[in-house]
């Protein structure tokens, strides 16, 4: 069988799309779903195309015809996060640069105004062992979670953050949601992760932070009430024992990406 340039081009595009899909699903926390679908496709190709097993091939053909619908029904959160990651404007920013130039959308003033107050508040709460849970919205809207708490809609201010999470404050047990450079609401209820890999000594705040990071693309910051340690949950992963410098770097990266 002769291999033409068009065949090589076809294979290269398919490989590129597969690799790009792998990267997006890995970042969205749905990498296990990707592996499962890929394994099923490989089995289907081997059984129906290579070995020509008619019975198994016909059964797998039926599954392939309704496979997308089954995946959407069984994994709605993972599919939603995948589509949000795929449509994230940050991934297509190079297109806008072609038409609007290479000027960046963010600068040091944005970082200082939006990041430093959060880092400073977390540093003070860490010293006093004041428990806190702060969620920073990214591409996926968090209105449903914002409405579960009390709407604040205020500029980001370190003293306001510390007062909200003060132990005697009525809102200190819930989560604070920050979006579009403003504190949108506090006392919010988040989904709780049931991941068995989470260490037992971590409490409800950490599980809630991981829960929102598994169901959305938001970043969640946790200050432990027991130890004062700072943790971050993002892309379905929980990172503990961060210094304030590491926290500032992670938050700054959100703005610059």
C-alpha atoms as a PDB file:
ATOM      1  CA  UNK A   1       0.000   0.000   0.000  1.00  0.00           C
ATOM      2  CA  UNK A   2       1.382   3.362  -1.067  1.00  0.00           C
ATOM      3  CA  UNK A   3       1.570   6.136   1.538  1.00  0.00           C
ATOM      4  CA  UNK A   4       0.973   9.576   0.127  1.00  0.00           C
ATOM      5  CA  UNK A   5       1.749  13.009   1.508  1.00  0.00           C
ATOM      6  CA  UNK A   6      -1.950  13.409   2.252  1.00  0.00           C
ATOM      7  CA  UNK A   7      -1.870  10.270   4.429  1.00  0.00           C
ATOM      8  CA  UNK A   8       1.095  11.616   6.388  1.00  0.00           C
ATOM      9  CA  UNK A   9      -0.676  14.948   6.791  1.00  0.00           C
ATOM     10  CA  UNK A  10      -3.825  13.139   7.962  1.00  0.00           C
ATOM     11  CA  UNK A  11      -1.891  11.123  10.562  1.00  0.00           C
ATOM     12  CA  UNK A  12      -0.055  14.223  11.784  1.00  0.00           C
ATOM     13  CA  UNK A  13      -3.310  16.152  12.302  1.00  0.00           C
ATOM     14  CA  UNK A  14      -4.928  13.203  14.111  1.00  0.00           C
ATOM     15  CA  UNK A  15      -1.901  12.840  16.389  1.00  0.00           C
ATOM     16  CA  UNK A  16      -1.880  16.565  17.106  1.00  0.00           C
ATOM     17  CA  UNK A  17      -5.594  16.595  17.952  1.00  0.00           C
ATOM     18  CA  UNK A  18      -5.159  13.564  20.193  1.00  0.00           C
ATOM     19  CA  UNK A  19      -2.234  15.149  22.031  1.00  0.00           C
ATOM     20  CA  UNK A  20      -4.060  18.466  22.443  1.00  0.00           C
ATOM     21  CA  UNK A  21      -7.160  16.662  23.761  1.00  0.00           C
ATOM     22  CA  UNK A  22      -4.923  14.779  26.201  1.00  0.00           C
ATOM     23  CA  UNK A  23      -3.421  18.036  27.508  1.00  0.00           C
ATOM     24  CA  UNK A  24      -6.798  19.709  27.972  1.00  0.00           C
ATOM     25  CA  UNK A  25      -8.361  16.721  29.729  1.00  0.00           C
ATOM     26  CA  UNK A  26      -5.317  16.404  31.971  1.00  0.00           C
ATOM     27  CA  UNK A  27      -5.600  20.063  32.971  1.00  0.00           C
ATOM     28  CA  UNK A  28      -9.345  19.718  33.530  1.00  0.00           C
ATOM     29  CA  UNK A  29      -8.884  16.715  35.842  1.00  0.00           C
ATOM     30  CA  UNK A  30     -10.571  14.266  33.439  1.00  0.00           C
ATOM     31  CA  UNK A  31      -7.473  12.349  32.401  1.00  0.00           C
ATOM     32  CA  UNK A  32      -8.866   9.008  33.629  1.00  0.00           C
ATOM     33  CA  UNK A  33     -11.878   9.511  31.369  1.00  0.00           C
ATOM     34  CA  UNK A  34      -9.494  10.113  28.450  1.00  0.00           C
ATOM     35  CA  UNK A  35      -7.598   6.894  29.181  1.00  0.00           C
ATOM     36  CA  UNK A  36     -10.833   4.926  29.423  1.00  0.00           C
ATOM     37  CA  UNK A  37     -12.198   6.226  26.109  1.00  0.00           C
ATOM     38  CA  UNK A  38      -8.837   5.698  24.391  1.00  0.00           C
ATOM     39  CA  UNK A  39      -8.616   2.102  25.653  1.00  0.00           C
ATOM     40  CA  UNK A  40     -12.155   1.390  24.438  1.00  0.00           C
ATOM     41  CA  UNK A  41     -11.386   2.803  20.976  1.00  0.00           C
ATOM     42  CA  UNK A  42      -8.220   0.693  20.719  1.00  0.00           C
ATOM     43  CA  UNK A  43     -10.124  -2.475  21.646  1.00  0.00           C
ATOM     44  CA  UNK A  44     -12.837  -1.583  19.125  1.00  0.00           C
ATOM     45  CA  UNK A  45     -10.318  -1.065  16.306  1.00  0.00           C
ATOM     46  CA  UNK A  46      -8.426  -4.274  17.092  1.00  0.00           C
ATOM     47  CA  UNK A  47     -11.580  -6.390  17.361  1.00  0.00           C
ATOM     48  CA  UNK A  48     -13.547  -5.034  14.409  1.00  0.00           C
ATOM     49  CA  UNK A  49     -10.892  -3.851  11.967  1.00  0.00           C
ATOM     50  CA  UNK A  50      -7.783  -5.976  12.553  1.00  0.00           C
ATOM     51  CA  UNK A  51      -9.063  -9.306  13.885  1.00  0.00           C
ATOM     52  CA  UNK A  52     -12.445  -8.939  12.115  1.00  0.00           C
ATOM     53  CA  UNK A  53     -14.371 -10.450  15.019  1.00  0.00           C
ATOM     54  CA  UNK A  54     -17.909  -9.944  13.769  1.00  0.00           C
ATOM     55  CA  UNK A  55     -19.887 -10.502  16.968  1.00  0.00           C
ATOM     56  CA  UNK A  56     -17.649  -8.478  19.252  1.00  0.00           C
ATOM     57  CA  UNK A  57     -17.199  -5.908  16.521  1.00  0.00           C
ATOM     58  CA  UNK A  58     -20.941  -5.429  16.055  1.00  0.00           C
ATOM     59  CA  UNK A  59     -21.479  -5.079  19.805  1.00  0.00           C
ATOM     60  CA  UNK A  60     -18.708  -2.516  20.091  1.00  0.00           C
ATOM     61  CA  UNK A  61     -20.084  -0.713  17.020  1.00  0.00           C
ATOM     62  CA  UNK A  62     -23.372  -0.233  18.859  1.00  0.00           C
ATOM     63  CA  UNK A  63     -21.538   1.141  21.881  1.00  0.00           C
ATOM     64  CA  UNK A  64     -19.558   3.513  19.681  1.00  0.00           C
ATOM     65  CA  UNK A  65     -22.738   4.862  18.089  1.00  0.00           C
ATOM     66  CA  UNK A  66     -24.166   5.870  21.478  1.00  0.00           C
ATOM     67  CA  UNK A  67     -20.856   6.243  23.310  1.00  0.00           C
ATOM     68  CA  UNK A  68     -20.840  10.033  23.334  1.00  0.00           C
ATOM     69  CA  UNK A  69     -24.329  10.146  24.842  1.00  0.00           C
ATOM     70  CA  UNK A  70     -23.327   7.631  27.545  1.00  0.00           C
ATOM     71  CA  UNK A  71     -20.206   9.638  28.432  1.00  0.00           C
ATOM     72  CA  UNK A  72     -22.205  12.872  28.701  1.00  0.00           C
ATOM     73  CA  UNK A  73     -24.752  11.183  31.004  1.00  0.00           C
ATOM     74  CA  UNK A  74     -22.199   9.462  33.240  1.00  0.00           C
ATOM     75  CA  UNK A  75     -19.591  12.237  33.394  1.00  0.00           C
ATOM     76  CA  UNK A  76     -21.405  15.597  33.070  1.00  0.00           C
ATOM     77  CA  UNK A  77     -18.996  17.541  35.311  1.00  0.00           C
ATOM     78  CA  UNK A  78     -15.889  16.255  33.542  1.00  0.00           C
ATOM     79  CA  UNK A  79     -17.372  16.985  30.111  1.00  0.00           C
ATOM     80  CA  UNK A  80     -18.392  20.468  31.234  1.00  0.00           C
ATOM     81  CA  UNK A  81     -14.889  21.233  32.502  1.00  0.00           C
ATOM     82  CA  UNK A  82     -13.364  19.845  29.310  1.00  0.00           C
ATOM     83  CA  UNK A  83     -15.523  22.091  27.121  1.00  0.00           C
ATOM     84  CA  UNK A  84     -14.772  25.111  29.306  1.00  0.00           C
ATOM     85  CA  UNK A  85     -11.050  24.413  29.046  1.00  0.00           C
ATOM     86  CA  UNK A  86     -11.382  23.959  25.276  1.00  0.00           C
ATOM     87  CA  UNK A  87     -13.158  27.290  24.867  1.00  0.00           C
ATOM     88  CA  UNK A  88     -10.963  29.183  27.305  1.00  0.00           C
ATOM     89  CA  UNK A  89      -9.977  32.476  25.692  1.00  0.00           C
ATOM     90  CA  UNK A  90      -6.464  32.063  27.117  1.00  0.00           C
ATOM     91  CA  UNK A  91      -5.903  29.143  24.731  1.00  0.00           C
ATOM     92  CA  UNK A  92      -6.851  31.235  21.735  1.00  0.00           C
ATOM     93  CA  UNK A  93      -5.153  34.449  22.820  1.00  0.00           C
ATOM     94  CA  UNK A  94      -2.613  34.107  20.039  1.00  0.00           C
ATOM     95  CA  UNK A  95      -5.445  34.681  17.542  1.00  0.00           C
ATOM     96  CA  UNK A  96      -6.461  37.935  19.189  1.00  0.00           C
ATOM     97  CA  UNK A  97      -2.827  39.052  19.138  1.00  0.00           C
ATOM     98  CA  UNK A  98      -2.816  38.692  15.375  1.00  0.00           C
ATOM     99  CA  UNK A  99      -5.588  41.275  15.135  1.00  0.00           C
ATOM    100  CA  UNK A 100      -5.017  43.414  18.223  1.00  0.00           C
ATOM    101  CA  UNK A 101      -1.239  43.354  18.519  1.00  0.00           C
ATOM    102  CA  UNK A 102       0.894  41.822  21.260  1.00  0.00           C
ATOM    103  CA  UNK A 103       0.005  44.167  24.088  1.00  0.00           C
ATOM    104  CA  UNK A 104      -0.747  42.207  27.276  1.00  0.00           C
ATOM    105  CA  UNK A 105      -4.060  42.503  29.028  1.00  0.00           C
ATOM    106  CA  UNK A 106      -2.553  42.530  32.492  1.00  0.00           C
ATOM    107  CA  UNK A 107       0.251  44.434  34.160  1.00  0.00           C
ATOM    108  CA  UNK A 108       1.939  44.850  37.501  1.00  0.00           C
ATOM    109  CA  UNK A 109      -0.860  47.132  38.694  1.00  0.00           C
ATOM    110  CA  UNK A 110      -3.413  44.344  38.173  1.00  0.00           C
ATOM    111  CA  UNK A 111      -1.260  41.919  40.139  1.00  0.00           C
ATOM    112  CA  UNK A 112      -0.742  44.362  42.996  1.00  0.00           C
ATOM    113  CA  UNK A 113      -4.419  45.336  43.165  1.00  0.00           C
ATOM    114  CA  UNK A 114      -5.905  41.834  42.999  1.00  0.00           C
ATOM    115  CA  UNK A 115      -3.222  39.497  44.348  1.00  0.00           C
ATOM    116  CA  UNK A 116      -1.354  41.263  47.135  1.00  0.00           C
ATOM    117  CA  UNK A 117      -4.445  41.846  49.364  1.00  0.00           C
ATOM    118  CA  UNK A 118      -5.304  38.139  49.167  1.00  0.00           C
ATOM    119  CA  UNK A 119      -1.752  37.060  49.965  1.00  0.00           C
ATOM    120  CA  UNK A 120      -1.476  39.561  52.823  1.00  0.00           C
ATOM    121  CA  UNK A 121      -4.800  38.414  54.327  1.00  0.00           C
ATOM    122  CA  UNK A 122      -3.800  34.747  54.061  1.00  0.00           C
ATOM    123  CA  UNK A 123      -0.454  35.507  55.704  1.00  0.00           C
ATOM    124  CA  UNK A 124      -2.143  37.194  58.671  1.00  0.00           C
ATOM    125  CA  UNK A 125      -4.787  34.478  58.997  1.00  0.00           C
ATOM    126  CA  UNK A 126      -2.077  31.834  58.851  1.00  0.00           C
ATOM    127  CA  UNK A 127      -0.255  33.480  61.764  1.00  0.00           C
ATOM    128  CA  UNK A 128      -3.419  33.634  63.887  1.00  0.00           C
ATOM    129  CA  UNK A 129      -4.666  30.199  62.728  1.00  0.00           C
ATOM    130  CA  UNK A 130      -7.870  31.670  61.361  1.00  0.00           C
ATOM    131  CA  UNK A 131      -9.615  29.210  59.079  1.00  0.00           C
ATOM    132  CA  UNK A 132     -10.455  30.502  55.600  1.00  0.00           C
ATOM    133  CA  UNK A 133     -11.629  29.254  52.217  1.00  0.00           C
ATOM    134  CA  UNK A 134     -11.272  31.587  49.221  1.00  0.00           C
ATOM    135  CA  UNK A 135     -12.338  30.603  45.705  1.00  0.00           C
ATOM    136  CA  UNK A 136     -11.095  32.526  42.666  1.00  0.00           C
ATOM    137  CA  UNK A 137     -13.214  32.210  39.547  1.00  0.00           C
ATOM    138  CA  UNK A 138     -11.565  31.576  36.194  1.00  0.00           C
ATOM    139  CA  UNK A 139     -13.312  30.659  32.936  1.00  0.00           C
ATOM    140  CA  UNK A 140     -16.257  28.736  34.382  1.00  0.00           C
ATOM    141  CA  UNK A 141     -18.928  30.979  36.004  1.00  0.00           C
ATOM    142  CA  UNK A 142     -19.663  30.381  39.689  1.00  0.00           C
ATOM    143  CA  UNK A 143     -23.008  32.206  39.989  1.00  0.00           C
ATOM    144  CA  UNK A 144     -24.802  29.193  41.444  1.00  0.00           C
ATOM    145  CA  UNK A 145     -22.275  29.005  44.272  1.00  0.00           C
ATOM    146  CA  UNK A 146     -22.268  32.779  44.751  1.00  0.00           C
ATOM    147  CA  UNK A 147     -26.032  32.746  45.273  1.00  0.00           C
ATOM    148  CA  UNK A 148     -25.699  30.156  48.040  1.00  0.00           C
ATOM    149  CA  UNK A 149     -24.044  32.793  50.258  1.00  0.00           C
ATOM    150  CA  UNK A 150     -24.410  36.495  51.000  1.00  0.00           C
ATOM    151  CA  UNK A 151     -23.667  38.877  48.137  1.00  0.00           C
ATOM    152  CA  UNK A 152     -20.944  41.413  48.962  1.00  0.00           C
ATOM    153  CA  UNK A 153     -19.669  42.730  45.600  1.00  0.00           C
ATOM    154  CA  UNK A 154     -16.774  44.685  47.044  1.00  0.00           C
ATOM    155  CA  UNK A 155     -13.240  45.543  46.016  1.00  0.00           C
ATOM    156  CA  UNK A 156     -10.617  43.079  47.167  1.00  0.00           C
ATOM    157  CA  UNK A 157      -9.405  44.289  50.548  1.00  0.00           C
ATOM    158  CA  UNK A 158      -7.221  42.375  52.989  1.00  0.00           C
ATOM    159  CA  UNK A 159      -8.959  43.755  56.080  1.00  0.00           C
ATOM    160  CA  UNK A 160     -12.362  42.835  54.696  1.00  0.00           C
ATOM    161  CA  UNK A 161     -11.182  39.295  53.984  1.00  0.00           C
ATOM    162  CA  UNK A 162      -9.799  38.934  57.514  1.00  0.00           C
ATOM    163  CA  UNK A 163     -12.972  40.331  59.089  1.00  0.00           C
ATOM    164  CA  UNK A 164     -15.189  37.957  57.137  1.00  0.00           C
ATOM    165  CA  UNK A 165     -13.206  34.927  58.295  1.00  0.00           C
ATOM    166  CA  UNK A 166     -12.859  36.154  61.885  1.00  0.00           C
ATOM    167  CA  UNK A 167     -14.028  33.380  64.203  1.00  0.00           C
ATOM    168  CA  UNK A 168     -17.008  35.334  65.524  1.00  0.00           C
ATOM    169  CA  UNK A 169     -18.150  36.418  62.061  1.00  0.00           C
ATOM    170  CA  UNK A 170     -21.402  34.796  60.844  1.00  0.00           C
ATOM    171  CA  UNK A 171     -19.808  34.171  57.445  1.00  0.00           C
ATOM    172  CA  UNK A 172     -16.535  32.592  58.546  1.00  0.00           C
ATOM    173  CA  UNK A 173     -17.666  28.982  58.045  1.00  0.00           C
ATOM    174  CA  UNK A 174     -18.507  29.346  54.356  1.00  0.00           C
ATOM    175  CA  UNK A 175     -16.413  30.087  51.294  1.00  0.00           C
ATOM    176  CA  UNK A 176     -15.596  33.468  49.795  1.00  0.00           C
ATOM    177  CA  UNK A 177     -15.840  33.774  46.012  1.00  0.00           C
ATOM    178  CA  UNK A 178     -13.733  36.282  44.107  1.00  0.00           C
ATOM    179  CA  UNK A 179     -14.492  37.006  40.456  1.00  0.00           C
ATOM    180  CA  UNK A 180     -13.553  39.765  38.008  1.00  0.00           C
ATOM    181  CA  UNK A 181     -11.330  41.475  40.554  1.00  0.00           C
ATOM    182  CA  UNK A 182     -14.066  41.768  43.199  1.00  0.00           C
ATOM    183  CA  UNK A 183     -15.253  39.891  46.273  1.00  0.00           C
ATOM    184  CA  UNK A 184     -18.599  38.653  45.011  1.00  0.00           C
ATOM    185  CA  UNK A 185     -20.000  36.785  48.009  1.00  0.00           C
ATOM    186  CA  UNK A 186     -19.139  35.031  51.279  1.00  0.00           C
ATOM    187  CA  UNK A 187     -20.585  32.219  53.347  1.00  0.00           C
ATOM    188  CA  UNK A 188     -21.013  30.167  50.175  1.00  0.00           C
ATOM    189  CA  UNK A 189     -21.653  26.431  50.079  1.00  0.00           C
ATOM    190  CA  UNK A 190     -19.332  24.338  47.907  1.00  0.00           C
ATOM    191  CA  UNK A 191     -19.448  20.709  46.750  1.00  0.00           C
ATOM    192  CA  UNK A 192     -17.482  18.376  49.008  1.00  0.00           C
ATOM    193  CA  UNK A 193     -14.961  16.003  47.483  1.00  0.00           C
ATOM    194  CA  UNK A 194     -15.255  12.330  48.415  1.00  0.00           C
ATOM    195  CA  UNK A 195     -11.789  11.488  47.139  1.00  0.00           C
ATOM    196  CA  UNK A 196     -10.399   8.720  49.338  1.00  0.00           C
ATOM    197  CA  UNK A 197      -6.834   9.902  48.682  1.00  0.00           C
ATOM    198  CA  UNK A 198      -7.348  13.054  50.759  1.00  0.00           C
ATOM    199  CA  UNK A 199      -5.444  12.707  54.071  1.00  0.00           C
ATOM    200  CA  UNK A 200      -7.761  12.118  57.007  1.00  0.00           C
ATOM    201  CA  UNK A 201      -6.329  14.948  59.053  1.00  0.00           C
ATOM    202  CA  UNK A 202      -7.596  17.486  56.518  1.00  0.00           C
ATOM    203  CA  UNK A 203     -10.992  18.925  57.347  1.00  0.00           C
ATOM    204  CA  UNK A 204     -14.127  20.050  55.542  1.00  0.00           C
ATOM    205  CA  UNK A 205     -12.535  23.223  54.162  1.00  0.00           C
ATOM    206  CA  UNK A 206      -9.899  21.231  52.297  1.00  0.00           C
ATOM    207  CA  UNK A 207     -12.480  18.776  50.957  1.00  0.00           C
ATOM    208  CA  UNK A 208     -14.694  21.658  49.822  1.00  0.00           C
ATOM    209  CA  UNK A 209     -11.728  23.324  48.125  1.00  0.00           C
ATOM    210  CA  UNK A 210     -10.898  20.091  46.327  1.00  0.00           C
ATOM    211  CA  UNK A 211     -14.571  19.612  45.459  1.00  0.00           C
ATOM    212  CA  UNK A 212     -14.856  22.972  43.686  1.00  0.00           C
ATOM    213  CA  UNK A 213     -11.512  22.327  41.950  1.00  0.00           C
ATOM    214  CA  UNK A 214     -12.798  18.977  40.675  1.00  0.00           C
ATOM    215  CA  UNK A 215     -16.111  20.309  39.356  1.00  0.00           C
ATOM    216  CA  UNK A 216     -14.891  23.672  37.971  1.00  0.00           C
ATOM    217  CA  UNK A 217     -11.668  25.291  36.813  1.00  0.00           C
ATOM    218  CA  UNK A 218     -11.591  27.640  39.822  1.00  0.00           C
ATOM    219  CA  UNK A 219      -8.646  27.931  42.198  1.00  0.00           C
ATOM    220  CA  UNK A 220      -9.350  27.540  45.919  1.00  0.00           C
ATOM    221  CA  UNK A 221      -7.163  28.740  48.784  1.00  0.00           C
ATOM    222  CA  UNK A 222      -7.434  27.167  52.227  1.00  0.00           C
ATOM    223  CA  UNK A 223      -6.004  28.411  55.502  1.00  0.00           C
ATOM    224  CA  UNK A 224      -6.103  25.672  58.117  1.00  0.00           C
ATOM    225  CA  UNK A 225      -7.703  26.544  61.438  1.00  0.00           C
ATOM    226  CA  UNK A 226      -5.718  23.836  63.212  1.00  0.00           C
ATOM    227  CA  UNK A 227      -2.217  24.426  61.829  1.00  0.00           C
ATOM    228  CA  UNK A 228      -2.405  27.749  59.980  1.00  0.00           C
ATOM    229  CA  UNK A 229      -0.936  26.107  56.874  1.00  0.00           C
ATOM    230  CA  UNK A 230      -1.930  27.415  53.439  1.00  0.00           C
ATOM    231  CA  UNK A 231      -3.133  25.033  50.732  1.00  0.00           C
ATOM    232  CA  UNK A 232      -4.320  25.417  47.147  1.00  0.00           C
ATOM    233  CA  UNK A 233      -6.718  23.252  45.147  1.00  0.00           C
ATOM    234  CA  UNK A 234      -6.650  23.557  41.365  1.00  0.00           C
ATOM    235  CA  UNK A 235      -7.405  21.242  38.432  1.00  0.00           C
ATOM    236  CA  UNK A 236      -8.590  18.548  40.802  1.00  0.00           C
ATOM    237  CA  UNK A 237      -5.310  18.544  42.740  1.00  0.00           C
ATOM    238  CA  UNK A 238      -4.639  19.672  46.308  1.00  0.00           C
ATOM    239  CA  UNK A 239      -1.260  21.208  47.203  1.00  0.00           C
ATOM    240  CA  UNK A 240      -0.578  21.721  50.899  1.00  0.00           C
ATOM    241  CA  UNK A 241       1.962  23.601  53.006  1.00  0.00           C
ATOM    242  CA  UNK A 242       2.517  26.554  50.705  1.00  0.00           C
ATOM    243  CA  UNK A 243       4.517  29.577  51.785  1.00  0.00           C
ATOM    244  CA  UNK A 244       3.141  33.053  51.161  1.00  0.00           C
ATOM    245  CA  UNK A 245       5.767  33.497  48.430  1.00  0.00           C
ATOM    246  CA  UNK A 246       4.576  30.346  46.662  1.00  0.00           C
ATOM    247  CA  UNK A 247       0.980  31.495  47.074  1.00  0.00           C
ATOM    248  CA  UNK A 248       1.787  34.840  45.452  1.00  0.00           C
ATOM    249  CA  UNK A 249       3.527  33.071  42.562  1.00  0.00           C
ATOM    250  CA  UNK A 250       0.577  30.785  41.936  1.00  0.00           C
ATOM    251  CA  UNK A 251      -1.929  33.644  42.015  1.00  0.00           C
ATOM    252  CA  UNK A 252       0.240  35.845  39.819  1.00  0.00           C
ATOM    253  CA  UNK A 253       0.451  33.048  37.305  1.00  0.00           C
ATOM    254  CA  UNK A 254      -3.349  33.025  37.066  1.00  0.00           C
ATOM    255  CA  UNK A 255      -3.348  36.646  35.921  1.00  0.00           C
ATOM    256  CA  UNK A 256      -0.394  36.343  33.564  1.00  0.00           C
ATOM    257  CA  UNK A 257      -1.518  33.128  31.823  1.00  0.00           C
END
